[in-house]
Amino acid sequence: MAEVLAGALPADAVPGRRSASRNRGIRRFKWMILAPLVLLLFSLLTPTLLLQLYFSFHQWTIYLSSWWSADFVGFDVFSSVFTDPRFGWALLRSLAYAGGSTFGCLGVGFMLAYLVYRPFRGQALYYALFILPMLTVPIVIAYTAQMLLDRSGPINDVLSMLTGHEIRVAWLSNPHIALLTVTVLDIWNWTPFSFIIMLAGLAAIPKEPIEAAQILGASSWRVFLEVQLPLLRPVILLALVLRFLDAMGSFPLIWALLQGGPGTATETLPLYIYITTWQDFNVSLGAAQSYIVMLMMVGIVLIAIRLLRREKRVLDTMYAKPADAGDA
């Protein structure tokens, strides 16, 4: 019976129905996987976010009476956040730290991935060596860096031997270079993350466009710039967004190494919010700061999703044209 009905339908109707049924099945499977996780996430986060929102509109510290009898102050707490110069400087430091770490990780990770993505003898050993820094706990990195970067430590000794001049750079106690030092350490720690993403992107590039460009006489540099790099744009954007969001929330490395010092030279947003909430015990101000940062991150994520969807549409169009030509 199904064969009779299929024969009575137009030739392109059956594949269309199959495609629609397949898409419905994929959507149903996605919701089956995601729905329990989303419900669990909301059940855990919603009470916390609501309590945090309550503190943001009520003036309360642990030195006052019970939190449910705190005075309602409207947007006064948010106003104090926006007029706080220390919060503004912490935001600028976070952007500098996250931006430097993001582009540094992407540049080094992309270079390493491009060097080793083609099969060769000993490839697995290089994979293990390049991924090893990401497996190191930030606290271990911090204490190791304290010994290596001391004024009389091994780093300055090696530089002194190489240059022939005595070098005693205060890598951690100089407020002008402390943030740069921490950024370099974070790049070393998280370059493997970008390396893995770019390695997967390079391995997923189809061989046909590259072989076609080589047949037409394109050099390796032109193949990279005009074939591989455009196809890697969604992967690069994904690596940038994920690394930037993670770096904006970085806390253990900076806190264990310098605790925001010297002075406030490395005091980023996570550290300032922690100090406000758990050292100054100003819970309302810390809650308002957290909400502002959260809204900033949500905005960045929404922009990133929009850009990723645009890149996906471009790639879908690019891959659909050869398929349509082949079907014709």
C-alpha atoms as a PDB file:
ATOM      1  CA  MET A   1       0.000   0.000   0.000  1.00  0.00           C
ATOM      2  CA  ALA A   2       2.812   2.391   0.866  1.00  0.00           C
ATOM      3  CA  GLU A   3       4.429   1.663  -2.498  1.00  0.00           C
ATOM      4  CA  VAL A   4       1.147   2.473  -4.320  1.00  0.00           C
ATOM      5  CA  LEU A   5       0.774   5.773  -2.454  1.00  0.00           C
ATOM      6  CA  ALA A   6       4.408   6.638  -3.070  1.00  0.00           C
ATOM      7  CA  GLY A   7       3.937   5.990  -6.767  1.00  0.00           C
ATOM      8  CA  ALA A   8       0.861   8.224  -6.854  1.00  0.00           C
ATOM      9  CA  LEU A   9       2.717  11.142  -5.291  1.00  0.00           C
ATOM     10  CA  PRO A  10       5.030  13.471  -7.226  1.00  0.00           C
ATOM     11  CA  ALA A  11       8.657  12.384  -7.432  1.00  0.00           C
ATOM     12  CA  ASP A  12       9.877  15.101  -5.062  1.00  0.00           C
ATOM     13  CA  ALA A  13       7.082  14.658  -2.486  1.00  0.00           C
ATOM     14  CA  VAL A  14       8.410  11.509  -0.827  1.00  0.00           C
ATOM     15  CA  PRO A  15      11.934  12.897  -0.175  1.00  0.00           C
ATOM     16  CA  GLY A  16      10.317  16.083   1.126  1.00  0.00           C
ATOM     17  CA  ARG A  17       8.173  14.151   3.585  1.00  0.00           C
ATOM     18  CA  ARG A  18      11.139  12.062   4.658  1.00  0.00           C
ATOM     19  CA  SER A  19      13.190  15.195   5.262  1.00  0.00           C
ATOM     20  CA  ALA A  20      10.386  16.812   7.288  1.00  0.00           C
ATOM     21  CA  SER A  21       9.920  13.635   9.343  1.00  0.00           C
ATOM     22  CA  ARG A  22      13.658  13.437   9.939  1.00  0.00           C
ATOM     23  CA  ASN A  23      13.779  17.069  11.104  1.00  0.00           C
ATOM     24  CA  ARG A  24      10.887  16.454  13.504  1.00  0.00           C
ATOM     25  CA  GLY A  25      12.658  13.417  14.894  1.00  0.00           C
ATOM     26  CA  ILE A  26      15.868  15.394  15.411  1.00  0.00           C
ATOM     27  CA  ARG A  27      13.997  18.186  17.201  1.00  0.00           C
ATOM     28  CA  ARG A  28      12.167  15.660  19.392  1.00  0.00           C
ATOM     29  CA  PHE A  29      15.446  13.959  20.294  1.00  0.00           C
ATOM     30  CA  LYS A  30      17.065  17.303  21.155  1.00  0.00           C
ATOM     31  CA  TRP A  31      14.217  18.219  23.509  1.00  0.00           C
ATOM     32  CA  MET A  32      14.337  14.781  25.135  1.00  0.00           C
ATOM     33  CA  ILE A  33      18.011  15.356  25.949  1.00  0.00           C
ATOM     34  CA  LEU A  34      17.857  19.044  26.813  1.00  0.00           C
ATOM     35  CA  ALA A  35      14.560  19.298  28.709  1.00  0.00           C
ATOM     36  CA  PRO A  36      15.730  17.481  31.893  1.00  0.00           C
ATOM     37  CA  LEU A  37      18.966  19.466  31.937  1.00  0.00           C
ATOM     38  CA  VAL A  38      17.135  22.773  31.462  1.00  0.00           C
ATOM     39  CA  LEU A  39      14.636  21.917  34.215  1.00  0.00           C
ATOM     40  CA  LEU A  40      17.445  20.943  36.594  1.00  0.00           C
ATOM     41  CA  LEU A  41      19.368  24.127  35.777  1.00  0.00           C
ATOM     42  CA  PHE A  42      16.353  26.353  36.355  1.00  0.00           C
ATOM     43  CA  SER A  43      15.388  24.577  39.568  1.00  0.00           C
ATOM     44  CA  LEU A  44      18.875  25.214  40.962  1.00  0.00           C
ATOM     45  CA  LEU A  45      19.506  28.702  39.602  1.00  0.00           C
ATOM     46  CA  THR A  46      16.082  30.333  39.914  1.00  0.00           C
ATOM     47  CA  PRO A  47      16.017  30.546  43.755  1.00  0.00           C
ATOM     48  CA  THR A  48      19.567  31.889  43.793  1.00  0.00           C
ATOM     49  CA  LEU A  49      18.869  34.505  41.122  1.00  0.00           C
ATOM     50  CA  LEU A  50      15.671  35.618  42.841  1.00  0.00           C
ATOM     51  CA  LEU A  51      17.431  35.983  46.188  1.00  0.00           C
ATOM     52  CA  GLN A  52      20.241  37.866  44.495  1.00  0.00           C
ATOM     53  CA  LEU A  53      17.684  40.158  42.846  1.00  0.00           C
ATOM     54  CA  TYR A  54      16.071  40.762  46.238  1.00  0.00           C
ATOM     55  CA  PHE A  55      19.416  41.822  47.723  1.00  0.00           C
ATOM     56  CA  SER A  56      20.045  44.105  44.753  1.00  0.00           C
ATOM     57  CA  PHE A  57      16.936  46.170  45.583  1.00  0.00           C
ATOM     58  CA  HIS A  58      17.324  46.043  49.365  1.00  0.00           C
ATOM     59  CA  GLN A  59      20.160  47.509  51.377  1.00  0.00           C
ATOM     60  CA  TRP A  60      21.574  44.772  53.597  1.00  0.00           C
ATOM     61  CA  THR A  61      24.888  43.667  55.069  1.00  0.00           C
ATOM     62  CA  ILE A  62      25.552  40.887  57.553  1.00  0.00           C
ATOM     63  CA  TYR A  63      26.033  43.516  60.266  1.00  0.00           C
ATOM     64  CA  LEU A  64      22.368  44.511  60.034  1.00  0.00           C
ATOM     65  CA  SER A  65      19.270  42.639  61.189  1.00  0.00           C
ATOM     66  CA  SER A  66      17.649  39.704  59.381  1.00  0.00           C
ATOM     67  CA  TRP A  67      17.813  39.929  55.595  1.00  0.00           C
ATOM     68  CA  TRP A  68      14.026  39.652  55.060  1.00  0.00           C
ATOM     69  CA  SER A  69      13.492  42.917  56.917  1.00  0.00           C
ATOM     70  CA  ALA A  70      16.052  44.889  54.855  1.00  0.00           C
ATOM     71  CA  ASP A  71      15.060  48.344  53.623  1.00  0.00           C
ATOM     72  CA  PHE A  72      13.878  48.634  50.026  1.00  0.00           C
ATOM     73  CA  VAL A  73      16.068  51.166  48.198  1.00  0.00           C
ATOM     74  CA  GLY A  74      15.008  50.672  44.575  1.00  0.00           C
ATOM     75  CA  PHE A  75      17.806  51.277  42.080  1.00  0.00           C
ATOM     76  CA  ASP A  76      20.080  53.058  44.553  1.00  0.00           C
ATOM     77  CA  VAL A  77      22.406  50.069  44.837  1.00  0.00           C
ATOM     78  CA  PHE A  78      22.711  49.820  41.040  1.00  0.00           C
ATOM     79  CA  SER A  79      23.384  53.551  40.863  1.00  0.00           C
ATOM     80  CA  SER A  80      26.208  53.196  43.372  1.00  0.00           C
ATOM     81  CA  VAL A  81      27.724  50.454  41.198  1.00  0.00           C
ATOM     82  CA  PHE A  82      27.693  52.610  38.057  1.00  0.00           C
ATOM     83  CA  THR A  83      29.220  55.558  39.912  1.00  0.00           C
ATOM     84  CA  ASP A  84      31.916  53.458  41.583  1.00  0.00           C
ATOM     85  CA  PRO A  85      35.274  54.185  39.885  1.00  0.00           C
ATOM     86  CA  ARG A  86      36.779  51.023  41.358  1.00  0.00           C
ATOM     87  CA  PHE A  87      34.141  48.951  39.562  1.00  0.00           C
ATOM     88  CA  GLY A  88      34.913  50.772  36.309  1.00  0.00           C
ATOM     89  CA  TRP A  89      38.637  50.090  36.615  1.00  0.00           C
ATOM     90  CA  ALA A  90      37.924  46.450  37.476  1.00  0.00           C
ATOM     91  CA  LEU A  91      35.813  46.213  34.317  1.00  0.00           C
ATOM     92  CA  LEU A  92      38.607  47.678  32.182  1.00  0.00           C
ATOM     93  CA  ARG A  93      41.143  45.277  33.705  1.00  0.00           C
ATOM     94  CA  SER A  94      38.808  42.340  33.076  1.00  0.00           C
ATOM     95  CA  LEU A  95      38.361  43.346  29.434  1.00  0.00           C
ATOM     96  CA  ALA A  96      42.121  43.789  28.971  1.00  0.00           C
ATOM     97  CA  TYR A  97      42.873  40.502  30.703  1.00  0.00           C
ATOM     98  CA  ALA A  98      40.151  38.542  28.889  1.00  0.00           C
ATOM     99  CA  GLY A  99      40.918  40.114  25.518  1.00  0.00           C
ATOM    100  CA  GLY A 100      44.654  39.497  25.785  1.00  0.00           C
ATOM    101  CA  SER A 101      44.151  35.943  26.978  1.00  0.00           C
ATOM    102  CA  THR A 102      41.532  35.190  24.306  1.00  0.00           C
ATOM    103  CA  PHE A 103      43.544  36.390  21.316  1.00  0.00           C
ATOM    104  CA  GLY A 104      46.772  35.010  22.745  1.00  0.00           C
ATOM    105  CA  CYS A 105      45.252  31.549  23.208  1.00  0.00           C
ATOM    106  CA  LEU A 106      43.692  31.655  19.761  1.00  0.00           C
ATOM    107  CA  GLY A 107      46.917  32.734  18.041  1.00  0.00           C
ATOM    108  CA  VAL A 108      49.152  30.171  19.724  1.00  0.00           C
ATOM    109  CA  GLY A 109      46.520  27.417  19.647  1.00  0.00           C
ATOM    110  CA  PHE A 110      45.765  27.991  15.960  1.00  0.00           C
ATOM    111  CA  MET A 111      49.471  27.918  15.083  1.00  0.00           C
ATOM    112  CA  LEU A 112      50.046  24.669  16.978  1.00  0.00           C
ATOM    113  CA  ALA A 113      46.925  23.063  15.501  1.00  0.00           C
ATOM    114  CA  TYR A 114      47.951  24.014  11.970  1.00  0.00           C
ATOM    115  CA  LEU A 115      51.380  22.493  12.511  1.00  0.00           C
ATOM    116  CA  VAL A 116      50.183  19.097  13.727  1.00  0.00           C
ATOM    117  CA  TYR A 117      46.743  18.486  12.193  1.00  0.00           C
ATOM    118  CA  ARG A 118      48.190  16.442   9.308  1.00  0.00           C
ATOM    119  CA  PRO A 119      49.110  12.842  10.302  1.00  0.00           C
ATOM    120  CA  PHE A 120      52.789  12.204  11.028  1.00  0.00           C
ATOM    121  CA  ARG A 121      54.913   9.933  13.208  1.00  0.00           C
ATOM    122  CA  GLY A 122      54.707  10.836  16.890  1.00  0.00           C
ATOM    123  CA  GLN A 123      51.589  12.963  16.464  1.00  0.00           C
ATOM    124  CA  ALA A 124      49.933  11.588  19.608  1.00  0.00           C
ATOM    125  CA  LEU A 125      52.947  12.619  21.706  1.00  0.00           C
ATOM    126  CA  TYR A 126      52.646  16.221  20.543  1.00  0.00           C
ATOM    127  CA  TYR A 127      48.910  16.158  21.281  1.00  0.00           C
ATOM    128  CA  ALA A 128      49.636  15.077  24.852  1.00  0.00           C
ATOM    129  CA  LEU A 129      52.332  17.734  25.326  1.00  0.00           C
ATOM    130  CA  PHE A 130      50.153  20.545  23.978  1.00  0.00           C
ATOM    131  CA  ILE A 131      47.135  19.559  26.090  1.00  0.00           C
ATOM    132  CA  LEU A 132      49.108  19.092  29.316  1.00  0.00           C
ATOM    133  CA  PRO A 133      48.981  22.775  30.484  1.00  0.00           C
ATOM    134  CA  MET A 134      45.168  22.720  30.519  1.00  0.00           C
ATOM    135  CA  LEU A 135      45.253  19.783  32.939  1.00  0.00           C
ATOM    136  CA  THR A 136      47.328  21.768  35.432  1.00  0.00           C
ATOM    137  CA  VAL A 137      45.369  23.175  38.374  1.00  0.00           C
ATOM    138  CA  PRO A 138      45.481  27.031  38.482  1.00  0.00           C
ATOM    139  CA  ILE A 139      46.571  26.955  42.142  1.00  0.00           C
ATOM    140  CA  VAL A 140      49.609  24.867  41.176  1.00  0.00           C
ATOM    141  CA  ILE A 141      50.403  27.298  38.371  1.00  0.00           C
ATOM    142  CA  ALA A 142      50.165  30.218  40.802  1.00  0.00           C
ATOM    143  CA  TYR A 143      52.554  28.772  43.385  1.00  0.00           C
ATOM    144  CA  THR A 144      54.986  27.617  40.711  1.00  0.00           C
ATOM    145  CA  ALA A 145      54.912  31.055  39.099  1.00  0.00           C
ATOM    146  CA  GLN A 146      55.663  32.695  42.454  1.00  0.00           C
ATOM    147  CA  MET A 147      58.924  30.752  42.631  1.00  0.00           C
ATOM    148  CA  LEU A 148      59.894  31.140  38.971  1.00  0.00           C
ATOM    149  CA  LEU A 149      59.032  34.848  38.685  1.00  0.00           C
ATOM    150  CA  ASP A 150      60.676  36.035  41.894  1.00  0.00           C
ATOM    151  CA  ARG A 151      63.191  38.880  41.488  1.00  0.00           C
ATOM    152  CA  SER A 152      65.954  36.375  42.256  1.00  0.00           C
ATOM    153  CA  GLY A 153      64.170  33.485  40.580  1.00  0.00           C
ATOM    154  CA  PRO A 154      65.114  31.264  37.635  1.00  0.00           C
ATOM    155  CA  ILE A 155      63.396  33.384  34.962  1.00  0.00           C
ATOM    156  CA  ASN A 156      65.479  36.468  35.717  1.00  0.00           C
ATOM    157  CA  ASP A 157      68.609  34.325  36.043  1.00  0.00           C
ATOM    158  CA  VAL A 158      68.067  32.799  32.597  1.00  0.00           C
ATOM    159  CA  LEU A 159      67.416  36.211  31.052  1.00  0.00           C
ATOM    160  CA  SER A 160      70.551  37.565  32.720  1.00  0.00           C
ATOM    161  CA  MET A 161      72.662  34.742  31.250  1.00  0.00           C
ATOM    162  CA  LEU A 162      71.185  35.207  27.773  1.00  0.00           C
ATOM    163  CA  THR A 163      71.630  38.981  27.682  1.00  0.00           C
ATOM    164  CA  GLY A 164      74.863  39.256  29.642  1.00  0.00           C
ATOM    165  CA  HIS A 165      73.319  41.896  31.907  1.00  0.00           C
ATOM    166  CA  GLU A 166      71.846  41.515  35.347  1.00  0.00           C
ATOM    167  CA  ILE A 167      68.046  41.482  35.086  1.00  0.00           C
ATOM    168  CA  ARG A 168      65.880  41.724  38.174  1.00  0.00           C
ATOM    169  CA  VAL A 169      62.397  42.367  36.851  1.00  0.00           C
ATOM    170  CA  ALA A 170      59.648  42.444  39.483  1.00  0.00           C
ATOM    171  CA  TRP A 171      57.171  40.421  37.419  1.00  0.00           C
ATOM    172  CA  LEU A 172      54.608  40.164  40.227  1.00  0.00           C
ATOM    173  CA  SER A 173      55.242  43.197  42.432  1.00  0.00           C
ATOM    174  CA  ASN A 174      55.429  45.827  39.692  1.00  0.00           C
ATOM    175  CA  PRO A 175      51.873  47.196  39.191  1.00  0.00           C
ATOM    176  CA  HIS A 176      52.663  48.190  35.588  1.00  0.00           C
ATOM    177  CA  ILE A 177      53.376  44.641  34.388  1.00  0.00           C
ATOM    178  CA  ALA A 178      51.562  42.453  36.948  1.00  0.00           C
ATOM    179  CA  LEU A 179      48.394  42.180  34.842  1.00  0.00           C
ATOM    180  CA  LEU A 180      50.454  41.324  31.752  1.00  0.00           C
ATOM    181  CA  THR A 181      52.280  38.622  33.705  1.00  0.00           C
ATOM    182  CA  VAL A 182      49.027  37.042  34.850  1.00  0.00           C
ATOM    183  CA  THR A 183      47.649  37.244  31.297  1.00  0.00           C
ATOM    184  CA  VAL A 184      50.679  35.367  29.928  1.00  0.00           C
ATOM    185  CA  LEU A 185      50.238  32.672  32.574  1.00  0.00           C
ATOM    186  CA  ASP A 186      46.565  32.343  31.625  1.00  0.00           C
ATOM    187  CA  ILE A 187      47.512  32.040  27.949  1.00  0.00           C
ATOM    188  CA  TRP A 188      49.891  29.200  28.807  1.00  0.00           C
ATOM    189  CA  ASN A 189      47.175  27.516  30.880  1.00  0.00           C
ATOM    190  CA  TRP A 190      44.342  27.742  28.332  1.00  0.00           C
ATOM    191  CA  THR A 191      46.039  27.627  24.925  1.00  0.00           C
ATOM    192  CA  PRO A 192      45.210  23.858  24.760  1.00  0.00           C
ATOM    193  CA  PHE A 193      41.503  24.762  24.818  1.00  0.00           C
ATOM    194  CA  SER A 194      41.825  26.796  21.611  1.00  0.00           C
ATOM    195  CA  PHE A 195      44.210  24.180  20.228  1.00  0.00           C
ATOM    196  CA  ILE A 196      41.587  21.421  20.560  1.00  0.00           C
ATOM    197  CA  ILE A 197      38.842  23.522  18.944  1.00  0.00           C
ATOM    198  CA  MET A 198      41.015  24.623  16.025  1.00  0.00           C
ATOM    199  CA  LEU A 199      42.355  21.099  15.550  1.00  0.00           C
ATOM    200  CA  ALA A 200      38.802  19.795  15.232  1.00  0.00           C
ATOM    201  CA  GLY A 201      37.948  22.588  12.796  1.00  0.00           C
ATOM    202  CA  LEU A 202      40.962  21.904  10.598  1.00  0.00           C
ATOM    203  CA  ALA A 203      40.255  18.176  10.569  1.00  0.00           C
ATOM    204  CA  ALA A 204      36.631  18.821   9.502  1.00  0.00           C
ATOM    205  CA  ILE A 205      37.507  20.914   6.434  1.00  0.00           C
ATOM    206  CA  PRO A 206      36.622  18.947   3.273  1.00  0.00           C
ATOM    207  CA  LYS A 207      39.550  18.072   1.031  1.00  0.00           C
ATOM    208  CA  GLU A 208      37.822  18.890  -2.272  1.00  0.00           C
ATOM    209  CA  PRO A 209      38.129  22.727  -2.120  1.00  0.00           C
ATOM    210  CA  ILE A 210      41.789  22.469  -1.083  1.00  0.00           C
ATOM    211  CA  GLU A 211      42.607  19.983  -3.870  1.00  0.00           C
ATOM    212  CA  ALA A 212      40.754  22.143  -6.408  1.00  0.00           C
ATOM    213  CA  ALA A 213      42.740  25.230  -5.365  1.00  0.00           C
ATOM    214  CA  GLN A 214      46.023  23.291  -5.579  1.00  0.00           C
ATOM    215  CA  ILE A 215      45.146  22.030  -9.063  1.00  0.00           C
ATOM    216  CA  LEU A 216      44.538  25.621 -10.146  1.00  0.00           C
ATOM    217  CA  GLY A 217      48.053  26.466  -8.988  1.00  0.00           C
ATOM    218  CA  ALA A 218      47.325  28.236  -5.694  1.00  0.00           C
ATOM    219  CA  SER A 219      50.212  28.416  -3.248  1.00  0.00           C
ATOM    220  CA  SER A 220      49.931  27.070   0.275  1.00  0.00           C
ATOM    221  CA  TRP A 221      49.537  30.609   1.613  1.00  0.00           C
ATOM    222  CA  ARG A 222      46.660  31.388  -0.779  1.00  0.00           C
ATOM    223  CA  VAL A 223      44.997  28.053   0.023  1.00  0.00           C
ATOM    224  CA  PHE A 224      45.154  28.970   3.697  1.00  0.00           C
ATOM    225  CA  LEU A 225      43.863  32.524   3.248  1.00  0.00           C
ATOM    226  CA  GLU A 226      41.203  31.925   0.597  1.00  0.00           C
ATOM    227  CA  VAL A 227      40.001  28.377   1.343  1.00  0.00           C
ATOM    228  CA  GLN A 228      40.810  27.175   4.840  1.00  0.00           C
ATOM    229  CA  LEU A 229      40.442  30.429   6.775  1.00  0.00           C
ATOM    230  CA  PRO A 230      36.946  31.293   5.422  1.00  0.00           C
ATOM    231  CA  LEU A 231      35.742  27.775   6.243  1.00  0.00           C
ATOM    232  CA  LEU A 232      37.159  28.116   9.771  1.00  0.00           C
ATOM    233  CA  ARG A 233      35.378  31.391  10.566  1.00  0.00           C
ATOM    234  CA  PRO A 234      32.573  29.764  12.638  1.00  0.00           C
ATOM    235  CA  VAL A 235      35.123  27.679  14.551  1.00  0.00           C
ATOM    236  CA  ILE A 236      37.310  30.733  15.214  1.00  0.00           C
ATOM    237  CA  LEU A 237      34.310  32.712  16.423  1.00  0.00           C
ATOM    238  CA  LEU A 238      33.255  29.881  18.717  1.00  0.00           C
ATOM    239  CA  ALA A 239      36.762  29.605  20.186  1.00  0.00           C
ATOM    240  CA  LEU A 240      36.906  33.366  20.759  1.00  0.00           C
ATOM    241  CA  VAL A 241      33.536  33.555  22.495  1.00  0.00           C
ATOM    242  CA  LEU A 242      34.054  30.547  24.765  1.00  0.00           C
ATOM    243  CA  ARG A 243      37.564  31.614  25.781  1.00  0.00           C
ATOM    244  CA  PHE A 244      36.507  35.238  26.374  1.00  0.00           C
ATOM    245  CA  LEU A 245      33.585  34.243  28.596  1.00  0.00           C
ATOM    246  CA  ASP A 246      35.798  31.896  30.587  1.00  0.00           C
ATOM    247  CA  ALA A 247      38.546  34.506  30.970  1.00  0.00           C
ATOM    248  CA  MET A 248      36.064  37.151  32.145  1.00  0.00           C
ATOM    249  CA  GLY A 249      35.162  34.853  35.034  1.00  0.00           C
ATOM    250  CA  SER A 250      38.725  33.810  35.857  1.00  0.00           C
ATOM    251  CA  PHE A 251      39.334  33.849  39.604  1.00  0.00           C
ATOM    252  CA  PRO A 252      41.617  31.102  41.048  1.00  0.00           C
ATOM    253  CA  LEU A 253      44.833  32.008  39.232  1.00  0.00           C
ATOM    254  CA  ILE A 254      44.757  35.741  39.983  1.00  0.00           C
ATOM    255  CA  TRP A 255      43.548  35.286  43.553  1.00  0.00           C
ATOM    256  CA  ALA A 256      46.089  32.629  44.445  1.00  0.00           C
ATOM    257  CA  LEU A 257      48.930  34.555  42.822  1.00  0.00           C
ATOM    258  CA  LEU A 258      48.313  38.187  43.767  1.00  0.00           C
ATOM    259  CA  GLN A 259      44.827  38.556  45.343  1.00  0.00           C
ATOM    260  CA  GLY A 260      44.255  41.581  43.119  1.00  0.00           C
ATOM    261  CA  GLY A 261      47.559  43.233  43.981  1.00  0.00           C
ATOM    262  CA  PRO A 262      49.918  44.904  43.994  1.00  0.00           C
ATOM    263  CA  GLY A 263      47.391  47.473  45.163  1.00  0.00           C
ATOM    264  CA  THR A 264      44.517  46.947  42.748  1.00  0.00           C
ATOM    265  CA  ALA A 265      46.675  46.344  39.647  1.00  0.00           C
ATOM    266  CA  THR A 266      45.180  42.893  38.946  1.00  0.00           C
ATOM    267  CA  GLU A 267      41.778  43.390  40.560  1.00  0.00           C
ATOM    268  CA  THR A 268      39.334  42.140  37.922  1.00  0.00           C
ATOM    269  CA  LEU A 269      35.548  41.943  38.212  1.00  0.00           C
ATOM    270  CA  PRO A 270      35.371  38.490  39.866  1.00  0.00           C
ATOM    271  CA  LEU A 271      37.917  39.537  42.478  1.00  0.00           C
ATOM    272  CA  TYR A 272      36.224  42.867  43.185  1.00  0.00           C
ATOM    273  CA  ILE A 273      32.824  41.204  43.569  1.00  0.00           C
ATOM    274  CA  TYR A 274      34.334  38.632  45.918  1.00  0.00           C
ATOM    275  CA  ILE A 275      36.030  41.329  48.000  1.00  0.00           C
ATOM    276  CA  THR A 276      32.843  43.392  48.145  1.00  0.00           C
ATOM    277  CA  THR A 277      30.684  40.460  49.210  1.00  0.00           C
ATOM    278  CA  TRP A 278      32.922  38.292  51.377  1.00  0.00           C
ATOM    279  CA  GLN A 279      35.504  40.686  52.784  1.00  0.00           C
ATOM    280  CA  ASP A 280      33.523  43.926  53.055  1.00  0.00           C
ATOM    281  CA  PHE A 281      30.312  41.890  53.662  1.00  0.00           C
ATOM    282  CA  ASN A 282      28.285  44.322  51.542  1.00  0.00           C
ATOM    283  CA  VAL A 283      25.951  41.681  50.172  1.00  0.00           C
ATOM    284  CA  SER A 284      23.580  44.080  48.389  1.00  0.00           C
ATOM    285  CA  LEU A 285      26.359  45.828  46.486  1.00  0.00           C
ATOM    286  CA  GLY A 286      27.948  42.503  45.529  1.00  0.00           C
ATOM    287  CA  ALA A 287      24.594  41.181  44.301  1.00  0.00           C
ATOM    288  CA  ALA A 288      24.018  44.260  42.149  1.00  0.00           C
ATOM    289  CA  GLN A 289      27.523  44.011  40.709  1.00  0.00           C
ATOM    290  CA  SER A 290      26.952  40.349  39.902  1.00  0.00           C
ATOM    291  CA  TYR A 291      23.674  41.101  38.106  1.00  0.00           C
ATOM    292  CA  ILE A 292      25.278  43.808  35.997  1.00  0.00           C
ATOM    293  CA  VAL A 293      28.125  41.493  34.991  1.00  0.00           C
ATOM    294  CA  MET A 294      25.667  38.685  34.268  1.00  0.00           C
ATOM    295  CA  LEU A 295      23.615  40.914  31.954  1.00  0.00           C
ATOM    296  CA  MET A 296      26.797  41.934  30.158  1.00  0.00           C
ATOM    297  CA  MET A 297      27.715  38.294  29.609  1.00  0.00           C
ATOM    298  CA  VAL A 298      24.194  37.448  28.423  1.00  0.00           C
ATOM    299  CA  GLY A 299      24.437  40.264  25.870  1.00  0.00           C
ATOM    300  CA  ILE A 300      27.772  38.943  24.607  1.00  0.00           C
ATOM    301  CA  VAL A 301      26.338  35.417  24.323  1.00  0.00           C
ATOM    302  CA  LEU A 302      23.292  36.623  22.361  1.00  0.00           C
ATOM    303  CA  ILE A 303      25.486  38.577  19.948  1.00  0.00           C
ATOM    304  CA  ALA A 304      27.742  35.532  19.555  1.00  0.00           C
ATOM    305  CA  ILE A 305      24.768  33.255  18.836  1.00  0.00           C
ATOM    306  CA  ARG A 306      23.541  35.653  16.166  1.00  0.00           C
ATOM    307  CA  LEU A 307      26.972  35.786  14.531  1.00  0.00           C
ATOM    308  CA  LEU A 308      27.332  31.988  14.670  1.00  0.00           C
ATOM    309  CA  ARG A 309      23.941  31.532  13.022  1.00  0.00           C
ATOM    310  CA  ARG A 310      24.949  33.926  10.263  1.00  0.00           C
ATOM    311  CA  GLU A 311      28.184  32.036   9.673  1.00  0.00           C
ATOM    312  CA  LYS A 312      26.266  28.748   9.642  1.00  0.00           C
ATOM    313  CA  ARG A 313      23.882  30.087   6.992  1.00  0.00           C
ATOM    314  CA  VAL A 314      26.839  31.155   4.851  1.00  0.00           C
ATOM    315  CA  LEU A 315      28.406  27.705   5.110  1.00  0.00           C
ATOM    316  CA  ASP A 316      25.094  25.953   4.443  1.00  0.00           C
ATOM    317  CA  THR A 317      24.652  28.041   1.309  1.00  0.00           C
ATOM    318  CA  MET A 318      28.227  27.320   0.248  1.00  0.00           C
ATOM    319  CA  TYR A 319      27.792  23.549   0.657  1.00  0.00           C
ATOM    320  CA  ALA A 320      24.295  23.515  -0.828  1.00  0.00           C
ATOM    321  CA  LYS A 321      25.408  24.898  -4.180  1.00  0.00           C
ATOM    322  CA  PRO A 322      27.744  21.986  -5.085  1.00  0.00           C
ATOM    323  CA  ALA A 323      25.100  19.514  -3.913  1.00  0.00           C
ATOM    324  CA  ASP A 324      22.430  21.151  -6.095  1.00  0.00           C
ATOM    325  CA  ALA A 325      24.823  21.128  -9.041  1.00  0.00           C
ATOM    326  CA  GLY A 326      25.541  17.428  -8.487  1.00  0.00           C
ATOM    327  CA  ASP A 327      21.831  16.574  -8.299  1.00  0.00           C
ATOM    328  CA  ALA A 328      21.213  18.474 -11.518  1.00  0.00           C
END
